[in-house]
């Protein structure tokens, strides 16, 4: 989900600009692919897969086959 906002300037009685935030709308990007979650050193790495914007699964990176790991990393670099 991409959350977009619109910023406008509004003049206060003291004539100083006041930022005003208004919703411009949310856009569902329907992301498709893998995201590799890289943690701090010593923590477990995960792969998250989305299909048509919906979470399909979350798996430890080390549980994937070598081929799946390579595809996940490549997918992560392309997005």
PDB file of N, CA and C in Angstrom:
ATOM      1  N   UNK A   1       0.854  -1.171   0.000  1.00  0.00           N
ATOM      2  CA  UNK A   1       0.000   0.000   0.000  1.00  0.00           C
ATOM      3  C   UNK A   1       0.896   1.229   0.000  1.00  0.00           C
ATOM      4  N   UNK A   2       0.698   2.114  -0.947  1.00  0.00           N
ATOM      5  CA  UNK A   2       1.418   3.372  -1.012  1.00  0.00           C
ATOM      6  C   UNK A   2       0.498   4.436  -0.452  1.00  0.00           C
ATOM      7  N   UNK A   3       0.910   5.065   0.634  1.00  0.00           N
ATOM      8  CA  UNK A   3       0.102   6.102   1.275  1.00  0.00           C
ATOM      9  C   UNK A   3       0.613   7.458   0.823  1.00  0.00           C
ATOM     10  N   UNK A   4      -0.201   8.176   0.105  1.00  0.00           N
ATOM     11  CA  UNK A   4       0.222   9.485  -0.392  1.00  0.00           C
ATOM     12  C   UNK A   4      -0.505  10.593   0.366  1.00  0.00           C
ATOM     13  N   UNK A   5       0.181  11.701   0.551  1.00  0.00           N
ATOM     14  CA  UNK A   5      -0.423  12.860   1.218  1.00  0.00           C
ATOM     15  C   UNK A   5      -0.173  14.098   0.372  1.00  0.00           C
ATOM     16  N   UNK A   6      -0.950  15.113   0.631  1.00  0.00           N
ATOM     17  CA  UNK A   6      -0.829  16.384  -0.088  1.00  0.00           C
ATOM     18  C   UNK A   6      -0.502  17.452   0.949  1.00  0.00           C
ATOM     19  N   UNK A   7       0.511  18.239   0.668  1.00  0.00           N
ATOM     20  CA  UNK A   7       0.911  19.307   1.580  1.00  0.00           C
ATOM     21  C   UNK A   7       0.532  20.651   0.969  1.00  0.00           C
ATOM     22  N   UNK A   8      -0.060  21.521   1.809  1.00  0.00           N
ATOM     23  CA  UNK A   8      -0.422  22.855   1.363  1.00  0.00           C
ATOM     24  C   UNK A   8       0.040  23.856   2.411  1.00  0.00           C
ATOM     25  N   UNK A   9       0.271  25.064   2.001  1.00  0.00           N
ATOM     26  CA  UNK A   9       0.573  26.138   2.935  1.00  0.00           C
ATOM     27  C   UNK A   9      -0.704  26.920   3.188  1.00  0.00           C
ATOM     28  N   UNK A  10      -0.922  27.241   4.470  1.00  0.00           N
ATOM     29  CA  UNK A  10      -2.092  28.020   4.846  1.00  0.00           C
ATOM     30  C   UNK A  10      -1.582  29.192   5.685  1.00  0.00           C
ATOM     31  N   UNK A  11      -2.112  30.372   5.452  1.00  0.00           N
ATOM     32  CA  UNK A  11      -1.642  31.560   6.162  1.00  0.00           C
ATOM     33  C   UNK A  11      -2.389  31.682   7.493  1.00  0.00           C
ATOM     34  N   UNK A  12      -1.603  31.745   8.585  1.00  0.00           N
ATOM     35  CA  UNK A  12      -2.174  31.991   9.918  1.00  0.00           C
ATOM     36  C   UNK A  12      -2.399  33.503  10.054  1.00  0.00           C
ATOM     37  N   UNK A  13      -3.135  33.919  11.066  1.00  0.00           N
ATOM     38  CA  UNK A  13      -3.329  35.366  11.262  1.00  0.00           C
ATOM     39  C   UNK A  13      -2.017  36.136  11.364  1.00  0.00           C
ATOM     40  N   UNK A  14      -0.932  35.502  11.844  1.00  0.00           N
ATOM     41  CA  UNK A  14       0.352  36.193  11.956  1.00  0.00           C
ATOM     42  C   UNK A  14       1.098  36.192  10.619  1.00  0.00           C
ATOM     43  N   UNK A  15       0.498  35.682   9.582  1.00  0.00           N
ATOM     44  CA  UNK A  15       1.044  35.618   8.231  1.00  0.00           C
ATOM     45  C   UNK A  15       2.223  34.658   8.088  1.00  0.00           C
ATOM     46  N   UNK A  16       2.416  33.770   9.056  1.00  0.00           N
ATOM     47  CA  UNK A  16       3.460  32.751   8.945  1.00  0.00           C
ATOM     48  C   UNK A  16       2.868  31.514   8.287  1.00  0.00           C
ATOM     49  N   UNK A  17       3.590  30.860   7.370  1.00  0.00           N
ATOM     50  CA  UNK A  17       3.039  29.663   6.722  1.00  0.00           C
ATOM     51  C   UNK A  17       2.861  28.522   7.728  1.00  0.00           C
ATOM     52  N   UNK A  18       1.775  27.817   7.598  1.00  0.00           N
ATOM     53  CA  UNK A  18       1.483  26.659   8.437  1.00  0.00           C
ATOM     54  C   UNK A  18       1.274  25.464   7.520  1.00  0.00           C
ATOM     55  N   UNK A  19       2.107  24.419   7.619  1.00  0.00           N
ATOM     56  CA  UNK A  19       1.888  23.268   6.745  1.00  0.00           C
ATOM     57  C   UNK A  19       0.600  22.542   7.117  1.00  0.00           C
ATOM     58  N   UNK A  20      -0.179  22.218   6.125  1.00  0.00           N
ATOM     59  CA  UNK A  20      -1.421  21.477   6.321  1.00  0.00           C
ATOM     60  C   UNK A  20      -1.311  20.190   5.515  1.00  0.00           C
ATOM     61  N   UNK A  21      -1.598  19.073   6.155  1.00  0.00           N
ATOM     62  CA  UNK A  21      -1.514  17.784   5.478  1.00  0.00           C
ATOM     63  C   UNK A  21      -2.925  17.305   5.184  1.00  0.00           C
ATOM     64  N   UNK A  22      -3.183  16.988   3.936  1.00  0.00           N
ATOM     65  CA  UNK A  22      -4.477  16.444   3.550  1.00  0.00           C
ATOM     66  C   UNK A  22      -4.273  15.130   2.831  1.00  0.00           C
ATOM     67  N   UNK A  23      -5.169  14.204   3.036  1.00  0.00           N
ATOM     68  CA  UNK A  23      -5.033  12.901   2.379  1.00  0.00           C
ATOM     69  C   UNK A  23      -5.244  13.060   0.885  1.00  0.00           C
ATOM     70  N   UNK A  24      -4.339  12.518   0.107  1.00  0.00           N
ATOM     71  CA  UNK A  24      -4.480  12.537  -1.343  1.00  0.00           C
ATOM     72  C   UNK A  24      -4.912  11.173  -1.850  1.00  0.00           C
ATOM     73  N   UNK A  25      -4.913  10.183  -0.971  1.00  0.00           N
ATOM     74  CA  UNK A  25      -5.382   8.863  -1.350  1.00  0.00           C
ATOM     75  C   UNK A  25      -4.319   7.798  -1.213  1.00  0.00           C
ATOM     76  N   UNK A  26      -4.764   6.583  -0.985  1.00  0.00           N
ATOM     77  CA  UNK A  26      -3.882   5.432  -0.898  1.00  0.00           C
ATOM     78  C   UNK A  26      -3.959   4.652  -2.199  1.00  0.00           C
ATOM     79  N   UNK A  27      -2.828   4.090  -2.596  1.00  0.00           N
ATOM     80  CA  UNK A  27      -2.770   3.313  -3.824  1.00  0.00           C
ATOM     81  C   UNK A  27      -2.268   1.921  -3.482  1.00  0.00           C
ATOM     82  N   UNK A  28      -3.067   0.903  -3.770  1.00  0.00           N
ATOM     83  CA  UNK A  28      -2.647  -0.480  -3.566  1.00  0.00           C
ATOM     84  C   UNK A  28      -1.781  -0.871  -4.751  1.00  0.00           C
ATOM     85  N   UNK A  29      -0.497  -1.084  -4.494  1.00  0.00           N
ATOM     86  CA  UNK A  29       0.438  -1.408  -5.563  1.00  0.00           C
ATOM     87  C   UNK A  29       0.362  -2.862  -5.999  1.00  0.00           C
ATOM     88  N   UNK A  30      -0.369  -3.676  -5.246  1.00  0.00           N
ATOM     89  CA  UNK A  30      -0.506  -5.105  -5.537  1.00  0.00           C
ATOM     90  C   UNK A  30       0.856  -5.714  -5.850  1.00  0.00           C
ATOM     91  N   UNK A  31       1.802  -5.484  -4.927  1.00  0.00           N
ATOM     92  CA  UNK A  31       3.163  -5.975  -5.088  1.00  0.00           C
ATOM     93  C   UNK A  31       3.180  -7.472  -5.316  1.00  0.00           C
ATOM     94  N   UNK A  32       4.006  -7.912  -6.213  1.00  0.00           N
ATOM     95  CA  UNK A  32       4.166  -9.336  -6.492  1.00  0.00           C
ATOM     96  C   UNK A  32       5.657  -9.653  -6.511  1.00  0.00           C
ATOM     97  N   UNK A  33       6.057 -10.578  -5.658  1.00  0.00           N
ATOM     98  CA  UNK A  33       7.458 -10.972  -5.617  1.00  0.00           C
ATOM     99  C   UNK A  33       7.922 -11.249  -4.208  1.00  0.00           C
ATOM    100  N   UNK A  34       9.233 -11.367  -4.068  1.00  0.00           N
ATOM    101  CA  UNK A  34       9.845 -11.685  -2.787  1.00  0.00           C
ATOM    102  C   UNK A  34      10.530 -10.460  -2.207  1.00  0.00           C
ATOM    103  N   UNK A  35      10.518 -10.383  -0.891  1.00  0.00           N
ATOM    104  CA  UNK A  35      11.288  -9.381  -0.174  1.00  0.00           C
ATOM    105  C   UNK A  35      12.145 -10.141   0.823  1.00  0.00           C
ATOM    106  N   UNK A  36      13.448  -9.901   0.769  1.00  0.00           N
ATOM    107  CA  UNK A  36      14.366 -10.526   1.715  1.00  0.00           C
ATOM    108  C   UNK A  36      14.540  -9.552   2.871  1.00  0.00           C
ATOM    109  N   UNK A  37      14.177 -10.002   4.068  1.00  0.00           N
ATOM    110  CA  UNK A  37      14.318  -9.180   5.263  1.00  0.00           C
ATOM    111  C   UNK A  37      15.674  -9.471   5.881  1.00  0.00           C
ATOM    112  N   UNK A  38      16.564  -8.504   5.843  1.00  0.00           N
ATOM    113  CA  UNK A  38      17.919  -8.670   6.338  1.00  0.00           C
ATOM    114  C   UNK A  38      18.025  -8.021   7.711  1.00  0.00           C
ATOM    115  N   UNK A  39      18.217  -8.829   8.746  1.00  0.00           N
ATOM    116  CA  UNK A  39      18.249  -8.315  10.117  1.00  0.00           C
ATOM    117  C   UNK A  39      19.644  -7.854  10.521  1.00  0.00           C
ATOM    118  N   UNK A  40      19.749  -7.467  11.775  1.00  0.00           N
ATOM    119  CA  UNK A  40      21.061  -7.156  12.347  1.00  0.00           C
ATOM    120  C   UNK A  40      21.874  -8.441  12.436  1.00  0.00           C
ATOM    121  N   UNK A  41      23.170  -8.298  12.583  1.00  0.00           N
ATOM    122  CA  UNK A  41      24.070  -9.446  12.653  1.00  0.00           C
ATOM    123  C   UNK A  41      23.643 -10.396  13.776  1.00  0.00           C
ATOM    124  N   UNK A  42      23.657 -11.687  13.475  1.00  0.00           N
ATOM    125  CA  UNK A  42      23.318 -12.703  14.457  1.00  0.00           C
ATOM    126  C   UNK A  42      21.842 -13.057  14.531  1.00  0.00           C
ATOM    127  N   UNK A  43      20.995 -12.360  13.781  1.00  0.00           N
ATOM    128  CA  UNK A  43      19.563 -12.647  13.771  1.00  0.00           C
ATOM    129  C   UNK A  43      19.199 -13.392  12.496  1.00  0.00           C
ATOM    130  N   UNK A  44      18.044 -14.066  12.516  1.00  0.00           N
ATOM    131  CA  UNK A  44      17.613 -14.884  11.388  1.00  0.00           C
ATOM    132  C   UNK A  44      17.095 -14.015  10.235  1.00  0.00           C
ATOM    133  N   UNK A  45      17.459 -14.405   9.009  1.00  0.00           N
ATOM    134  CA  UNK A  45      17.014 -13.727   7.797  1.00  0.00           C
ATOM    135  C   UNK A  45      15.763 -14.427   7.276  1.00  0.00           C
ATOM    136  N   UNK A  46      14.782 -13.645   6.796  1.00  0.00           N
ATOM    137  CA  UNK A  46      13.530 -14.206   6.294  1.00  0.00           C
ATOM    138  C   UNK A  46      13.278 -13.757   4.863  1.00  0.00           C
ATOM    139  N   UNK A  47      12.453 -14.536   4.168  1.00  0.00           N
ATOM    140  CA  UNK A  47      11.959 -14.165   2.846  1.00  0.00           C
ATOM    141  C   UNK A  47      10.440 -14.081   2.963  1.00  0.00           C
ATOM    142  N   UNK A  48       9.881 -12.995   2.437  1.00  0.00           N
ATOM    143  CA  UNK A  48       8.435 -12.776   2.454  1.00  0.00           C
ATOM    144  C   UNK A  48       7.969 -12.760   1.012  1.00  0.00           C
ATOM    145  N   UNK A  49       6.968 -13.559   0.693  1.00  0.00           N
ATOM    146  CA  UNK A  49       6.454 -13.597  -0.683  1.00  0.00           C
ATOM    147  C   UNK A  49       5.047 -13.018  -0.740  1.00  0.00           C
ATOM    148  N   UNK A  50       4.864 -12.125  -1.723  1.00  0.00           N
ATOM    149  CA  UNK A  50       3.562 -11.526  -1.991  1.00  0.00           C
ATOM    150  C   UNK A  50       3.100 -11.944  -3.373  1.00  0.00           C
ATOM    151  N   UNK A  51       1.817 -12.240  -3.499  1.00  0.00           N
ATOM    152  CA  UNK A  51       1.204 -12.561  -4.779  1.00  0.00           C
ATOM    153  C   UNK A  51      -0.016 -11.666  -4.943  1.00  0.00           C
ATOM    154  N   UNK A  52      -0.018 -10.848  -5.989  1.00  0.00           N
ATOM    155  CA  UNK A  52      -1.109  -9.901  -6.257  1.00  0.00           C
ATOM    156  C   UNK A  52      -1.418  -9.046  -5.037  1.00  0.00           C
ATOM    157  N   UNK A  53      -0.374  -8.614  -4.325  1.00  0.00           N
ATOM    158  CA  UNK A  53      -0.538  -7.734  -3.185  1.00  0.00           C
ATOM    159  C   UNK A  53      -0.868  -8.402  -1.875  1.00  0.00           C
ATOM    160  N   UNK A  54      -1.074  -9.713  -1.891  1.00  0.00           N
ATOM    161  CA  UNK A  54      -1.423 -10.435  -0.662  1.00  0.00           C
ATOM    162  C   UNK A  54      -0.222 -11.249  -0.177  1.00  0.00           C
ATOM    163  N   UNK A  55      -0.020 -11.255   1.133  1.00  0.00           N
ATOM    164  CA  UNK A  55       1.053 -12.044   1.713  1.00  0.00           C
ATOM    165  C   UNK A  55       0.772 -13.520   1.487  1.00  0.00           C
ATOM    166  N   UNK A  56       1.698 -14.210   0.855  1.00  0.00           N
ATOM    167  CA  UNK A  56       1.534 -15.643   0.586  1.00  0.00           C
ATOM    168  C   UNK A  56       2.211 -16.469   1.670  1.00  0.00           C
ATOM    169  N   UNK A  57       3.471 -16.124   1.993  1.00  0.00           N
ATOM    170  CA  UNK A  57       4.173 -16.833   3.060  1.00  0.00           C
ATOM    171  C   UNK A  57       5.380 -16.059   3.550  1.00  0.00           C
ATOM    172  N   UNK A  58       5.859 -16.474   4.747  1.00  0.00           N
ATOM    173  CA  UNK A  58       7.098 -15.960   5.340  1.00  0.00           C
ATOM    174  C   UNK A  58       7.904 -17.187   5.739  1.00  0.00           C
ATOM    175  N   UNK A  59       9.149 -17.266   5.266  1.00  0.00           N
ATOM    176  CA  UNK A  59       9.995 -18.430   5.565  1.00  0.00           C
ATOM    177  C   UNK A  59      11.407 -17.976   5.929  1.00  0.00           C
ATOM    178  N   UNK A  60      12.066 -18.736   6.813  1.00  0.00           N
ATOM    179  CA  UNK A  60      13.480 -18.450   7.070  1.00  0.00           C
ATOM    180  C   UNK A  60      14.288 -18.642   5.790  1.00  0.00           C
ATOM    181  N   UNK A  61      15.186 -17.719   5.506  1.00  0.00           N
ATOM    182  CA  UNK A  61      16.006 -17.773   4.296  1.00  0.00           C
ATOM    183  C   UNK A  61      16.757 -19.096   4.195  1.00  0.00           C
ATOM    184  N   UNK A  62      17.297 -19.579   5.322  1.00  0.00           N
ATOM    185  CA  UNK A  62      18.089 -20.819   5.319  1.00  0.00           C
ATOM    186  C   UNK A  62      17.257 -22.065   5.017  1.00  0.00           C
ATOM    187  N   UNK A  63      15.920 -21.981   5.168  1.00  0.00           N
ATOM    188  CA  UNK A  63      15.057 -23.127   4.873  1.00  0.00           C
ATOM    189  C   UNK A  63      14.778 -23.286   3.379  1.00  0.00           C
ATOM    190  N   UNK A  64      15.099 -22.279   2.587  1.00  0.00           N
ATOM    191  CA  UNK A  64      14.860 -22.341   1.151  1.00  0.00           C
ATOM    192  C   UNK A  64      16.008 -23.083   0.467  1.00  0.00           C
ATOM    193  N   UNK A  65      15.690 -23.710  -0.667  1.00  0.00           N
ATOM    194  CA  UNK A  65      16.746 -24.360  -1.444  1.00  0.00           C
ATOM    195  C   UNK A  65      17.680 -23.285  -1.996  1.00  0.00           C
ATOM    196  N   UNK A  66      18.851 -23.686  -2.443  1.00  0.00           N
ATOM    197  CA  UNK A  66      19.819 -22.730  -2.996  1.00  0.00           C
ATOM    198  C   UNK A  66      19.210 -21.972  -4.174  1.00  0.00           C
ATOM    199  N   UNK A  67      18.462 -22.677  -5.010  1.00  0.00           N
ATOM    200  CA  UNK A  67      17.824 -22.041  -6.165  1.00  0.00           C
ATOM    201  C   UNK A  67      16.785 -21.005  -5.703  1.00  0.00           C
ATOM    202  N   UNK A  68      15.976 -21.356  -4.708  1.00  0.00           N
ATOM    203  CA  UNK A  68      14.974 -20.421  -4.197  1.00  0.00           C
ATOM    204  C   UNK A  68      15.637 -19.199  -3.567  1.00  0.00           C
ATOM    205  N   UNK A  69      16.763 -19.415  -2.874  1.00  0.00           N
ATOM    206  CA  UNK A  69      17.488 -18.294  -2.271  1.00  0.00           C
ATOM    207  C   UNK A  69      17.980 -17.334  -3.355  1.00  0.00           C
ATOM    208  N   UNK A  70      18.545 -17.896  -4.418  1.00  0.00           N
ATOM    209  CA  UNK A  70      19.049 -17.061  -5.510  1.00  0.00           C
ATOM    210  C   UNK A  70      17.917 -16.277  -6.171  1.00  0.00           C
ATOM    211  N   UNK A  71      16.775 -16.922  -6.374  1.00  0.00           N
ATOM    212  CA  UNK A  71      15.625 -16.243  -6.976  1.00  0.00           C
ATOM    213  C   UNK A  71      15.111 -15.136  -6.063  1.00  0.00           C
ATOM    214  N   UNK A  72      15.081 -15.399  -4.753  1.00  0.00           N
ATOM    215  CA  UNK A  72      14.602 -14.402  -3.797  1.00  0.00           C
ATOM    216  C   UNK A  72      15.506 -13.186  -3.787  1.00  0.00           C
ATOM    217  N   UNK A  73      16.811 -13.394  -3.777  1.00  0.00           N
ATOM    218  CA  UNK A  73      17.761 -12.291  -3.772  1.00  0.00           C
ATOM    219  C   UNK A  73      17.658 -11.505  -5.079  1.00  0.00           C
ATOM    220  N   UNK A  74      17.592 -12.207  -6.206  1.00  0.00           N
ATOM    221  CA  UNK A  74      17.467 -11.526  -7.499  1.00  0.00           C
ATOM    222  C   UNK A  74      16.183 -10.717  -7.570  1.00  0.00           C
ATOM    223  N   UNK A  75      15.068 -11.290  -7.109  1.00  0.00           N
ATOM    224  CA  UNK A  75      13.796 -10.596  -7.089  1.00  0.00           C
ATOM    225  C   UNK A  75      13.878  -9.355  -6.215  1.00  0.00           C
ATOM    226  N   UNK A  76      14.551  -9.473  -5.090  1.00  0.00           N
ATOM    227  CA  UNK A  76      14.703  -8.351  -4.160  1.00  0.00           C
ATOM    228  C   UNK A  76      15.497  -7.221  -4.811  1.00  0.00           C
ATOM    229  N   UNK A  77      16.492  -7.541  -5.592  1.00  0.00           N
ATOM    230  CA  UNK A  77      17.321  -6.525  -6.241  1.00  0.00           C
ATOM    231  C   UNK A  77      16.572  -5.824  -7.377  1.00  0.00           C
ATOM    232  N   UNK A  78      15.666  -6.537  -8.036  1.00  0.00           N
ATOM    233  CA  UNK A  78      14.924  -5.979  -9.171  1.00  0.00           C
ATOM    234  C   UNK A  78      13.836  -5.036  -8.712  1.00  0.00           C
ATOM    235  N   UNK A  79      13.313  -5.234  -7.497  1.00  0.00           N
ATOM    236  CA  UNK A  79      12.200  -4.398  -7.013  1.00  0.00           C
ATOM    237  C   UNK A  79      12.722  -3.294  -6.224  1.00  0.00           C
TER     238      UNK A  79
END
